[in-house]
Amino acid sequence: MWRNPRIHGPEREKIWLACDEHLRFLYDYLRAREFPARIDDAVGEGEGEPE
């Protein structure tokens, strides 16, 4: 989850998915630009669905 505080308020967050291999790069990229960012667990296809 991330947002650009220069454009949007705290109520507007964006989801940017990344695989394990690229997760740290993406997070560092956002933080280097001073964008608020956090890493949440993603629900993959078929996971978390009611049976």
PDB file of N, CA and C in Angstrom:
ATOM      1  N   MET A   1       0.860  -1.171   0.000  1.00  0.00           N
ATOM      2  CA  MET A   1       0.000   0.000   0.000  1.00  0.00           C
ATOM      3  C   MET A   1       0.904   1.231   0.000  1.00  0.00           C
ATOM      4  N   TRP A   2       0.509   2.213  -0.809  1.00  0.00           N
ATOM      5  CA  TRP A   2       1.286   3.439  -0.855  1.00  0.00           C
ATOM      6  C   TRP A   2       0.397   4.583  -1.332  1.00  0.00           C
ATOM      7  N   ARG A   3       0.916   5.799  -1.201  1.00  0.00           N
ATOM      8  CA  ARG A   3       0.216   6.958  -1.725  1.00  0.00           C
ATOM      9  C   ARG A   3       1.217   8.079  -1.965  1.00  0.00           C
ATOM     10  N   ASN A   4       0.808   9.000  -2.803  1.00  0.00           N
ATOM     11  CA  ASN A   4       1.604  10.187  -3.063  1.00  0.00           C
ATOM     12  C   ASN A   4       0.966  11.331  -2.282  1.00  0.00           C
ATOM     13  N   PRO A   5       1.577  11.746  -1.173  1.00  0.00           N
ATOM     14  CA  PRO A   5       0.953  12.761  -0.322  1.00  0.00           C
ATOM     15  C   PRO A   5       0.879  14.137  -0.968  1.00  0.00           C
ATOM     16  N   ARG A   6       1.616  14.368  -2.034  1.00  0.00           N
ATOM     17  CA  ARG A   6       1.549  15.648  -2.729  1.00  0.00           C
ATOM     18  C   ARG A   6       0.268  15.765  -3.551  1.00  0.00           C
ATOM     19  N   ILE A   7      -0.343  14.618  -3.847  1.00  0.00           N
ATOM     20  CA  ILE A   7      -1.537  14.597  -4.699  1.00  0.00           C
ATOM     21  C   ILE A   7      -2.780  14.172  -3.929  1.00  0.00           C
ATOM     22  N   HIS A   8      -2.635  13.180  -3.023  1.00  0.00           N
ATOM     23  CA  HIS A   8      -3.788  12.582  -2.352  1.00  0.00           C
ATOM     24  C   HIS A   8      -3.644  12.636  -0.832  1.00  0.00           C
ATOM     25  N   GLY A   9      -4.795  12.712  -0.176  1.00  0.00           N
ATOM     26  CA  GLY A   9      -4.835  12.680   1.275  1.00  0.00           C
ATOM     27  C   GLY A   9      -4.707  11.260   1.792  1.00  0.00           C
ATOM     28  N   PRO A  10      -4.688  11.094   3.118  1.00  0.00           N
ATOM     29  CA  PRO A  10      -4.503   9.778   3.734  1.00  0.00           C
ATOM     30  C   PRO A  10      -5.588   8.757   3.387  1.00  0.00           C
ATOM     31  N   GLU A  11      -6.761   9.227   2.958  1.00  0.00           N
ATOM     32  CA  GLU A  11      -7.847   8.296   2.626  1.00  0.00           C
ATOM     33  C   GLU A  11      -7.618   7.596   1.283  1.00  0.00           C
ATOM     34  N   ARG A  12      -6.686   8.060   0.481  1.00  0.00           N
ATOM     35  CA  ARG A  12      -6.445   7.481  -0.846  1.00  0.00           C
ATOM     36  C   ARG A  12      -5.140   6.691  -0.832  1.00  0.00           C
ATOM     37  N   GLU A  13      -5.243   5.379  -0.818  1.00  0.00           N
ATOM     38  CA  GLU A  13      -4.072   4.511  -0.897  1.00  0.00           C
ATOM     39  C   GLU A  13      -4.161   3.690  -2.171  1.00  0.00           C
ATOM     40  N   LYS A  14      -3.013   3.334  -2.684  1.00  0.00           N
ATOM     41  CA  LYS A  14      -2.949   2.521  -3.895  1.00  0.00           C
ATOM     42  C   LYS A  14      -2.302   1.187  -3.560  1.00  0.00           C
ATOM     43  N   ILE A  15      -2.684   0.180  -4.295  1.00  0.00           N
ATOM     44  CA  ILE A  15      -2.106  -1.153  -4.125  1.00  0.00           C
ATOM     45  C   ILE A  15      -1.132  -1.387  -5.270  1.00  0.00           C
ATOM     46  N   TRP A  16       0.065  -1.804  -4.917  1.00  0.00           N
ATOM     47  CA  TRP A  16       1.064  -2.141  -5.917  1.00  0.00           C
ATOM     48  C   TRP A  16       1.595  -3.510  -5.531  1.00  0.00           C
ATOM     49  N   LEU A  17       1.258  -4.506  -6.319  1.00  0.00           N
ATOM     50  CA  LEU A  17       1.660  -5.875  -6.032  1.00  0.00           C
ATOM     51  C   LEU A  17       3.070  -6.128  -6.530  1.00  0.00           C
ATOM     52  N   ALA A  18       3.804  -6.951  -5.786  1.00  0.00           N
ATOM     53  CA  ALA A  18       5.158  -7.326  -6.184  1.00  0.00           C
ATOM     54  C   ALA A  18       5.436  -8.742  -5.708  1.00  0.00           C
ATOM     55  N   CYS A  19       6.198  -9.463  -6.490  1.00  0.00           N
ATOM     56  CA  CYS A  19       6.617 -10.802  -6.084  1.00  0.00           C
ATOM     57  C   CYS A  19       7.699 -10.662  -5.006  1.00  0.00           C
ATOM     58  N   ASP A  20       8.009 -11.763  -4.337  1.00  0.00           N
ATOM     59  CA  ASP A  20       9.019 -11.739  -3.275  1.00  0.00           C
ATOM     60  C   ASP A  20      10.362 -11.208  -3.776  1.00  0.00           C
ATOM     61  N   GLU A  21      10.693 -11.526  -5.014  1.00  0.00           N
ATOM     62  CA  GLU A  21      11.984 -11.116  -5.574  1.00  0.00           C
ATOM     63  C   GLU A  21      12.103  -9.593  -5.709  1.00  0.00           C
ATOM     64  N   HIS A  22      10.990  -8.915  -5.969  1.00  0.00           N
ATOM     65  CA  HIS A  22      11.033  -7.480  -6.221  1.00  0.00           C
ATOM     66  C   HIS A  22      10.419  -6.625  -5.116  1.00  0.00           C
ATOM     67  N   LEU A  23       9.920  -7.244  -4.076  1.00  0.00           N
ATOM     68  CA  LEU A  23       9.227  -6.523  -3.014  1.00  0.00           C
ATOM     69  C   LEU A  23      10.109  -5.466  -2.357  1.00  0.00           C
ATOM     70  N   ARG A  24      11.308  -5.819  -1.958  1.00  0.00           N
ATOM     71  CA  ARG A  24      12.206  -4.878  -1.270  1.00  0.00           C
ATOM     72  C   ARG A  24      12.583  -3.718  -2.196  1.00  0.00           C
ATOM     73  N   PHE A  25      12.836  -3.996  -3.473  1.00  0.00           N
ATOM     74  CA  PHE A  25      13.171  -2.931  -4.423  1.00  0.00           C
ATOM     75  C   PHE A  25      12.027  -1.929  -4.527  1.00  0.00           C
ATOM     76  N   LEU A  26      10.809  -2.417  -4.664  1.00  0.00           N
ATOM     77  CA  LEU A  26       9.654  -1.543  -4.796  1.00  0.00           C
ATOM     78  C   LEU A  26       9.460  -0.695  -3.541  1.00  0.00           C
ATOM     79  N   TYR A  27       9.556  -1.312  -2.386  1.00  0.00           N
ATOM     80  CA  TYR A  27       9.394  -0.588  -1.129  1.00  0.00           C
ATOM     81  C   TYR A  27      10.458   0.505  -1.003  1.00  0.00           C
ATOM     82  N   ASP A  28      11.705   0.163  -1.281  1.00  0.00           N
ATOM     83  CA  ASP A  28      12.792   1.141  -1.196  1.00  0.00           C
ATOM     84  C   ASP A  28      12.594   2.279  -2.197  1.00  0.00           C
ATOM     85  N   TYR A  29      12.101   1.965  -3.383  1.00  0.00           N
ATOM     86  CA  TYR A  29      11.819   2.965  -4.419  1.00  0.00           C
ATOM     87  C   TYR A  29      10.795   3.986  -3.909  1.00  0.00           C
ATOM     88  N   LEU A  30       9.707   3.502  -3.321  1.00  0.00           N
ATOM     89  CA  LEU A  30       8.663   4.385  -2.812  1.00  0.00           C
ATOM     90  C   LEU A  30       9.155   5.224  -1.644  1.00  0.00           C
ATOM     91  N   ARG A  31       9.874   4.594  -0.719  1.00  0.00           N
ATOM     92  CA  ARG A  31      10.367   5.316   0.458  1.00  0.00           C
ATOM     93  C   ARG A  31      11.432   6.350   0.085  1.00  0.00           C
ATOM     94  N   ALA A  32      12.243   6.076  -0.944  1.00  0.00           N
ATOM     95  CA  ALA A  32      13.253   7.035  -1.385  1.00  0.00           C
ATOM     96  C   ALA A  32      12.591   8.315  -1.900  1.00  0.00           C
ATOM     97  N   ARG A  33      11.379   8.214  -2.372  1.00  0.00           N
ATOM     98  CA  ARG A  33      10.620   9.366  -2.859  1.00  0.00           C
ATOM     99  C   ARG A  33       9.726   9.957  -1.773  1.00  0.00           C
ATOM    100  N   GLU A  34       9.909   9.458  -0.557  1.00  0.00           N
ATOM    101  CA  GLU A  34       9.175   9.923   0.624  1.00  0.00           C
ATOM    102  C   GLU A  34       7.671   9.689   0.514  1.00  0.00           C
ATOM    103  N   PHE A  35       7.285   8.632  -0.213  1.00  0.00           N
ATOM    104  CA  PHE A  35       5.885   8.230  -0.266  1.00  0.00           C
ATOM    105  C   PHE A  35       5.606   7.324   0.927  1.00  0.00           C
ATOM    106  N   PRO A  36       4.526   7.569   1.674  1.00  0.00           N
ATOM    107  CA  PRO A  36       4.155   6.628   2.725  1.00  0.00           C
ATOM    108  C   PRO A  36       3.881   5.257   2.083  1.00  0.00           C
ATOM    109  N   ALA A  37       4.485   4.235   2.634  1.00  0.00           N
ATOM    110  CA  ALA A  37       4.322   2.888   2.081  1.00  0.00           C
ATOM    111  C   ALA A  37       4.353   1.877   3.209  1.00  0.00           C
ATOM    112  N   ARG A  38       3.609   0.809   3.018  1.00  0.00           N
ATOM    113  CA  ARG A  38       3.653  -0.302   3.977  1.00  0.00           C
ATOM    114  C   ARG A  38       3.462  -1.595   3.194  1.00  0.00           C
ATOM    115  N   ILE A  39       3.940  -2.660   3.769  1.00  0.00           N
ATOM    116  CA  ILE A  39       3.826  -3.972   3.134  1.00  0.00           C
ATOM    117  C   ILE A  39       2.745  -4.756   3.851  1.00  0.00           C
ATOM    118  N   ASP A  40       1.715  -5.135   3.114  1.00  0.00           N
ATOM    119  CA  ASP A  40       0.634  -5.977   3.619  1.00  0.00           C
ATOM    120  C   ASP A  40       0.702  -7.320   2.907  1.00  0.00           C
ATOM    121  N   ASP A  41       0.198  -8.349   3.549  1.00  0.00           N
ATOM    122  CA  ASP A  41       0.084  -9.637   2.884  1.00  0.00           C
ATOM    123  C   ASP A  41      -0.981  -9.541   1.804  1.00  0.00           C
ATOM    124  N   ALA A  42      -0.683 -10.084   0.662  1.00  0.00           N
ATOM    125  CA  ALA A  42      -1.651 -10.110  -0.439  1.00  0.00           C
ATOM    126  C   ALA A  42      -2.389 -11.440  -0.418  1.00  0.00           C
ATOM    127  N   VAL A  43      -3.591 -11.423  -0.890  1.00  0.00           N
ATOM    128  CA  VAL A  43      -4.355 -12.658  -1.026  1.00  0.00           C
ATOM    129  C   VAL A  43      -4.215 -13.104  -2.471  1.00  0.00           C
ATOM    130  N   GLY A  44      -3.617 -14.268  -2.667  1.00  0.00           N
ATOM    131  CA  GLY A  44      -3.415 -14.781  -4.011  1.00  0.00           C
ATOM    132  C   GLY A  44      -4.671 -15.412  -4.561  1.00  0.00           C
ATOM    133  N   GLU A  45      -4.620 -15.756  -5.812  1.00  0.00           N
ATOM    134  CA  GLU A  45      -5.756 -16.368  -6.480  1.00  0.00           C
ATOM    135  C   GLU A  45      -6.169 -17.636  -5.742  1.00  0.00           C
ATOM    136  N   GLY A  46      -7.418 -17.702  -5.365  1.00  0.00           N
ATOM    137  CA  GLY A  46      -7.948 -18.882  -4.693  1.00  0.00           C
ATOM    138  C   GLY A  46      -7.726 -18.899  -3.189  1.00  0.00           C
ATOM    139  N   GLU A  47      -6.916 -17.993  -2.663  1.00  0.00           N
ATOM    140  CA  GLU A  47      -6.682 -17.957  -1.228  1.00  0.00           C
ATOM    141  C   GLU A  47      -7.684 -17.023  -0.577  1.00  0.00           C
ATOM    142  N   GLY A  48      -8.097 -17.348   0.616  1.00  0.00           N
ATOM    143  CA  GLY A  48      -8.999 -16.505   1.355  1.00  0.00           C
ATOM    144  C   GLY A  48     -10.432 -16.530   0.866  1.00  0.00           C
ATOM    145  N   GLU A  49     -10.745 -17.366  -0.071  1.00  0.00           N
ATOM    146  CA  GLU A  49     -12.102 -17.454  -0.582  1.00  0.00           C
ATOM    147  C   GLU A  49     -12.930 -18.377   0.299  1.00  0.00           C
ATOM    148  N   PRO A  50     -14.171 -18.030   0.574  1.00  0.00           N
ATOM    149  CA  PRO A  50     -15.021 -18.953   1.345  1.00  0.00           C
ATOM    150  C   PRO A  50     -15.275 -20.229   0.559  1.00  0.00           C
ATOM    151  N   GLU A  51     -15.406 -21.315   1.289  1.00  0.00           N
ATOM    152  CA  GLU A  51     -15.657 -22.612   0.609  1.00  0.00           C
ATOM    153  C   GLU A  51     -17.115 -22.884   0.468  1.00  0.00           C
TER     154      GLU A  51
END
